[in-house]
Amino acid sequence: MCLLVFATLFGVLLDAGDALQIQCYQCEEMKHNDCSAPEYIVNCTVNVQDMCQKEVLVKPDGIHYRKSCASSGACLIASSGYQQFCTGRLNSVCISCCNTPLCNGPKRKRPAPSAATPGLRTDQPLLLLMLLMLLRLT
């Protein structure tokens, strides 16, 4: 029964994302968050890289950034695996994933959500749940 539910949900997600291509910022080891300029925008691989990834590394000489396209499975596993190292102190590594165009760029100021409309999250908890179900079935 779990396999049937998983297959159905996975099929719906795949069908909803047919031939969608996301754009992300991409740079390696930038010492400032300035790789959010138009020349750092890349088209991610269709149907493979469906998320943007951002790594923030705290080194002795300052904060470094890495930004790239990523597959959802790899990004979610990496971000959860590095949570224990995301302290904000020296040698800290924080990895985050998101699935909207250019979401690994600078933070945009968002209007405060009204009481009538709850805020939406973009970290795809359903996808993570499906990944965990798949791992449990194997």
Protein backbone atom coordinates (compact mmCIF):
# COMPACT_ATOMS: atom_id res chain seq x y z
CA MET A 1 0.00 0.00 0.00
CA CYS A 2 2.85 2.40 0.88
CA LEU A 3 4.48 1.67 -2.45
CA LEU A 4 1.25 2.47 -4.29
CA VAL A 5 0.89 5.79 -2.43
CA PHE A 6 4.54 6.63 -3.07
CA ALA A 7 4.31 5.78 -6.78
CA THR A 8 1.17 7.89 -7.15
CA LEU A 9 2.64 10.92 -5.38
CA PHE A 10 5.92 10.60 -7.25
CA GLY A 11 4.06 10.39 -10.56
CA VAL A 12 2.06 13.52 -9.76
CA LEU A 13 5.24 15.44 -8.90
CA LEU A 14 7.01 14.25 -12.04
CA ASP A 15 4.03 15.07 -14.22
CA ALA A 16 3.73 18.55 -12.72
CA GLY A 17 7.38 19.27 -13.47
CA ASP A 18 7.70 17.95 -17.01
CA ALA A 19 10.33 19.89 -18.94
CA LEU A 20 10.58 22.64 -16.35
CA GLN A 21 13.91 24.36 -16.13
CA ILE A 22 14.94 26.38 -13.13
CA GLN A 23 17.53 29.16 -13.09
CA CYS A 24 19.96 29.54 -10.20
CA TYR A 25 22.99 31.60 -9.30
CA GLN A 26 26.25 29.68 -9.68
CA CYS A 27 29.65 30.58 -8.23
CA GLU A 28 32.52 28.97 -6.32
CA GLU A 29 34.09 30.26 -3.13
CA MET A 30 33.10 33.90 -3.43
CA LYS A 31 34.15 35.94 -0.39
CA HIS A 32 31.12 38.16 -0.59
CA ASN A 33 27.54 37.57 -1.58
CA ASP A 34 28.10 39.42 -4.82
CA CYS A 35 27.72 36.43 -7.09
CA SER A 36 24.08 37.41 -7.26
CA ALA A 37 24.70 39.53 -10.37
CA PRO A 38 23.12 38.63 -13.74
CA GLU A 39 26.36 37.15 -15.11
CA TYR A 40 26.19 34.38 -12.47
CA ILE A 41 22.72 33.18 -13.54
CA VAL A 42 22.72 29.72 -15.15
CA ASN A 43 20.04 27.45 -16.60
CA CYS A 44 19.95 24.19 -14.67
CA THR A 45 19.74 20.81 -16.41
CA VAL A 46 16.12 20.06 -17.34
CA ASN A 47 14.50 17.25 -15.31
CA VAL A 48 17.74 16.62 -13.39
CA GLN A 49 18.66 19.74 -11.46
CA ASP A 50 15.38 20.97 -10.01
CA MET A 51 16.67 22.98 -7.05
CA CYS A 52 19.10 25.75 -6.24
CA GLN A 53 21.72 25.16 -3.54
CA LYS A 54 23.56 27.68 -1.40
CA GLU A 55 26.52 26.91 0.86
CA VAL A 56 27.76 29.40 3.42
CA LEU A 57 31.21 28.64 4.83
CA VAL A 58 32.75 30.57 7.73
CA LYS A 59 36.55 30.57 7.29
CA PRO A 60 39.33 32.43 9.11
CA ASP A 61 39.43 35.06 6.34
CA GLY A 62 35.68 35.64 6.27
CA ILE A 63 32.43 34.22 4.92
CA HIS A 64 32.56 32.34 1.62
CA TYR A 65 29.62 31.41 -0.61
CA ARG A 66 29.04 28.63 -3.13
CA LYS A 67 25.89 28.65 -5.20
CA SER A 68 24.77 26.11 -7.78
CA CYS A 69 22.03 24.04 -9.38
CA ALA A 70 21.32 20.71 -7.70
CA SER A 71 19.07 17.69 -7.85
CA SER A 72 16.48 17.69 -5.09
CA GLY A 73 17.60 14.38 -3.62
CA ALA A 74 21.29 15.30 -3.43
CA CYS A 75 20.60 18.78 -2.08
CA LEU A 76 18.19 17.65 0.63
CA ILE A 77 20.55 14.89 1.77
CA ALA A 78 23.54 17.28 1.83
CA SER A 79 21.64 19.98 3.72
CA SER A 80 20.40 17.55 6.36
CA GLY A 81 23.85 15.96 6.67
CA TYR A 82 25.51 19.30 7.35
CA GLN A 83 22.98 20.62 9.88
CA GLN A 84 25.27 19.71 12.78
CA PHE A 85 28.03 21.87 11.26
CA CYS A 86 25.79 24.92 10.72
CA THR A 87 26.74 26.87 13.83
CA GLY A 88 27.66 30.30 12.42
CA ARG A 89 31.06 30.05 14.10
CA LEU A 90 34.50 29.47 12.56
CA ASN A 91 34.55 26.45 10.19
CA SER A 92 30.75 26.42 10.06
CA VAL A 93 29.12 25.03 6.90
CA CYS A 94 25.46 25.67 6.16
CA ILE A 95 23.74 24.23 3.08
CA SER A 96 20.26 25.25 2.02
CA CYS A 97 18.01 24.16 -0.85
CA CYS A 98 15.15 25.94 -2.56
CA ASN A 99 13.05 25.34 -5.66
CA THR A 100 12.05 28.69 -7.12
CA PRO A 101 13.99 30.62 -9.78
CA LEU A 102 17.06 32.45 -8.41
CA CYS A 103 16.10 31.58 -4.83
CA ASN A 104 19.77 31.05 -3.86
CA GLY A 105 20.42 34.75 -4.41
CA PRO A 106 20.11 37.64 -1.99
CA LYS A 107 17.26 37.62 0.48
CA ARG A 108 14.33 39.66 -0.73
CA LYS A 109 12.17 41.57 1.66
CA ARG A 110 8.77 39.96 1.73
CA PRO A 111 5.58 41.58 2.91
CA ALA A 112 4.35 40.24 6.23
CA PRO A 113 1.75 37.52 5.63
CA SER A 114 -1.76 38.51 6.60
CA ALA A 115 -3.76 36.49 9.07
CA ALA A 116 -6.03 35.32 6.25
CA THR A 117 -3.24 33.78 4.13
CA PRO A 118 -0.62 31.60 5.80
CA GLY A 119 2.95 31.85 4.46
CA LEU A 120 4.03 29.22 1.95
CA ARG A 121 7.21 27.23 2.38
CA THR A 122 9.38 26.36 -0.61
CA ASP A 123 11.48 23.58 0.84
CA GLN A 124 9.14 20.84 -0.45
CA PRO A 125 8.36 18.85 2.70
CA LEU A 126 6.33 16.42 0.56
CA LEU A 127 9.39 15.60 -1.52
CA LEU A 128 11.44 14.96 1.61
CA LEU A 129 8.69 12.74 3.00
CA MET A 130 8.62 10.76 -0.24
CA LEU A 131 12.40 10.37 -0.19
CA LEU A 132 12.24 9.07 3.38
CA MET A 133 9.45 6.63 2.42
CA LEU A 134 11.55 5.36 -0.48
CA LEU A 135 14.57 4.84 1.76
CA ARG A 136 12.40 3.00 4.26
CA LEU A 137 11.06 0.65 1.57
CA THR A 138 14.56 -0.38 0.48
